[in-house]
Amino acid sequence: MELNRTDYIILKLLMKKKCTSFFEGMTLQEIMDVTQTTRPTTYRKMMNMKEMGYVEKGCKSIQADTFYLLDKGINFIERKGEVEHD
């Protein structure tokens, strides 16, 4: 399975928000608010990217799972050169 445009947008979002460690992640709701995707679609995308090694589940935010980038996801975004630097 390959990444699609929405997957790429999610990876870029996680990078922009510096979600790169177990304690620094975004919830599905936070991701959905930006991507305008539904909960089932967003969850399915996150699980697919988790399976492919781009993201991992982080610590819980109250009862919600959070997600953060793994090295594979970080390297993918950096190779694309699309990250806005502050």
C-alpha atoms as a PDB file:
ATOM      1  CA  MET A   1       0.000   0.000   0.000  1.00  0.00           C
ATOM      2  CA  GLU A   2       1.258   3.450  -0.912  1.00  0.00           C
ATOM      3  CA  LEU A   3       0.658   6.783   0.759  1.00  0.00           C
ATOM      4  CA  ASN A   4      -1.968   9.052  -0.749  1.00  0.00           C
ATOM      5  CA  ARG A   5      -2.444  12.804  -0.609  1.00  0.00           C
ATOM      6  CA  THR A   6      -4.378  12.785   2.694  1.00  0.00           C
ATOM      7  CA  ASP A   7      -1.734  10.558   4.321  1.00  0.00           C
ATOM      8  CA  TYR A   8       0.912  13.041   3.216  1.00  0.00           C
ATOM      9  CA  ILE A   9      -1.091  15.959   4.627  1.00  0.00           C
ATOM     10  CA  ILE A  10      -1.386  14.135   7.965  1.00  0.00           C
ATOM     11  CA  LEU A  11       2.355  13.398   8.065  1.00  0.00           C
ATOM     12  CA  LYS A  12       3.145  17.050   7.254  1.00  0.00           C
ATOM     13  CA  LEU A  13       0.752  18.170   9.992  1.00  0.00           C
ATOM     14  CA  LEU A  14       2.402  15.921  12.588  1.00  0.00           C
ATOM     15  CA  MET A  15       5.813  17.267  11.550  1.00  0.00           C
ATOM     16  CA  LYS A  16       4.673  20.899  11.645  1.00  0.00           C
ATOM     17  CA  LYS A  17       3.255  20.379  15.155  1.00  0.00           C
ATOM     18  CA  LYS A  18       6.501  18.660  16.231  1.00  0.00           C
ATOM     19  CA  CYS A  19       4.779  15.374  17.060  1.00  0.00           C
ATOM     20  CA  THR A  20       7.951  13.320  17.096  1.00  0.00           C
ATOM     21  CA  SER A  21       7.962  11.555  20.460  1.00  0.00           C
ATOM     22  CA  PHE A  22       5.739   9.427  22.694  1.00  0.00           C
ATOM     23  CA  PHE A  23       4.707  12.455  24.774  1.00  0.00           C
ATOM     24  CA  GLU A  24       4.300  14.874  21.829  1.00  0.00           C
ATOM     25  CA  GLY A  25       1.397  13.628  19.714  1.00  0.00           C
ATOM     26  CA  MET A  26      -1.940  14.669  18.258  1.00  0.00           C
ATOM     27  CA  THR A  27      -5.330  13.090  18.894  1.00  0.00           C
ATOM     28  CA  LEU A  28      -7.614  11.886  16.121  1.00  0.00           C
ATOM     29  CA  GLN A  29      -9.902  14.841  16.822  1.00  0.00           C
ATOM     30  CA  GLU A  30      -7.052  17.332  16.453  1.00  0.00           C
ATOM     31  CA  ILE A  31      -6.051  15.717  13.160  1.00  0.00           C
ATOM     32  CA  MET A  32      -9.675  15.609  11.954  1.00  0.00           C
ATOM     33  CA  ASP A  33     -10.138  19.311  12.733  1.00  0.00           C
ATOM     34  CA  VAL A  34      -7.351  20.186  10.293  1.00  0.00           C
ATOM     35  CA  THR A  35      -7.868  17.550   7.593  1.00  0.00           C
ATOM     36  CA  GLN A  36     -11.685  17.704   7.581  1.00  0.00           C
ATOM     37  CA  THR A  37     -11.851  13.890   7.435  1.00  0.00           C
ATOM     38  CA  THR A  38     -14.294  11.679   9.335  1.00  0.00           C
ATOM     39  CA  ARG A  39     -13.347   9.720  12.440  1.00  0.00           C
ATOM     40  CA  PRO A  40     -13.498   6.289  10.701  1.00  0.00           C
ATOM     41  CA  THR A  41     -11.427   7.528   7.757  1.00  0.00           C
ATOM     42  CA  THR A  42      -8.852   9.219   9.981  1.00  0.00           C
ATOM     43  CA  TYR A  43      -8.556   6.182  12.268  1.00  0.00           C
ATOM     44  CA  ARG A  44      -8.155   3.834   9.283  1.00  0.00           C
ATOM     45  CA  LYS A  45      -5.472   6.084   7.785  1.00  0.00           C
ATOM     46  CA  MET A  46      -3.576   6.269  11.082  1.00  0.00           C
ATOM     47  CA  MET A  47      -3.706   2.487  11.513  1.00  0.00           C
ATOM     48  CA  ASN A  48      -2.468   1.969   7.927  1.00  0.00           C
ATOM     49  CA  MET A  49       0.412   4.409   8.447  1.00  0.00           C
ATOM     50  CA  LYS A  50       1.171   2.745  11.791  1.00  0.00           C
ATOM     51  CA  GLU A  51       1.312  -0.635  10.056  1.00  0.00           C
ATOM     52  CA  MET A  52       3.680   0.815   7.419  1.00  0.00           C
ATOM     53  CA  GLY A  53       5.965   2.244  10.139  1.00  0.00           C
ATOM     54  CA  TYR A  54       5.368   5.973   9.592  1.00  0.00           C
ATOM     55  CA  VAL A  55       3.546   6.720  12.866  1.00  0.00           C
ATOM     56  CA  GLU A  56       3.028   5.176  16.277  1.00  0.00           C
ATOM     57  CA  LYS A  57       0.528   5.588  19.075  1.00  0.00           C
ATOM     58  CA  GLY A  58       1.723   7.890  21.816  1.00  0.00           C
ATOM     59  CA  CYS A  59       0.560   8.467  25.372  1.00  0.00           C
ATOM     60  CA  LYS A  60      -3.133   8.933  26.021  1.00  0.00           C
ATOM     61  CA  SER A  61      -4.665  12.391  26.203  1.00  0.00           C
ATOM     62  CA  ILE A  62      -7.358  11.738  28.779  1.00  0.00           C
ATOM     63  CA  GLN A  63      -8.959   8.738  27.005  1.00  0.00           C
ATOM     64  CA  ALA A  64      -7.938   9.569  23.443  1.00  0.00           C
ATOM     65  CA  ASP A  65      -5.040   7.935  21.645  1.00  0.00           C
ATOM     66  CA  THR A  66      -2.385  10.250  20.309  1.00  0.00           C
ATOM     67  CA  PHE A  67      -0.129   9.673  17.312  1.00  0.00           C
ATOM     68  CA  TYR A  68       3.416  10.780  16.558  1.00  0.00           C
ATOM     69  CA  LEU A  69       5.910  10.392  13.716  1.00  0.00           C
ATOM     70  CA  LEU A  70       8.501   7.647  13.707  1.00  0.00           C
ATOM     71  CA  ASP A  71      11.883   8.084  11.999  1.00  0.00           C
ATOM     72  CA  LYS A  72      10.473   6.685   8.746  1.00  0.00           C
ATOM     73  CA  GLY A  73       7.752   9.369   8.718  1.00  0.00           C
ATOM     74  CA  ILE A  74      10.182  12.150   9.636  1.00  0.00           C
ATOM     75  CA  ASN A  75      12.644  11.070   6.944  1.00  0.00           C
ATOM     76  CA  PHE A  76       9.864  10.859   4.347  1.00  0.00           C
ATOM     77  CA  ILE A  77       8.708  14.433   5.035  1.00  0.00           C
ATOM     78  CA  GLU A  78      12.251  15.802   5.198  1.00  0.00           C
ATOM     79  CA  ARG A  79      13.115  14.159   1.868  1.00  0.00           C
ATOM     80  CA  LYS A  80      10.124  15.861   0.291  1.00  0.00           C
ATOM     81  CA  GLY A  81      11.443  19.236   1.503  1.00  0.00           C
ATOM     82  CA  GLU A  82       7.952  20.493   2.128  1.00  0.00           C
ATOM     83  CA  VAL A  83       8.220  21.372   5.826  1.00  0.00           C
ATOM     84  CA  GLU A  84       7.861  25.042   6.670  1.00  0.00           C
ATOM     85  CA  HIS A  85      10.605  26.082   9.073  1.00  0.00           C
ATOM     86  CA  ASP A  86       9.770  28.731  11.684  1.00  0.00           C
END
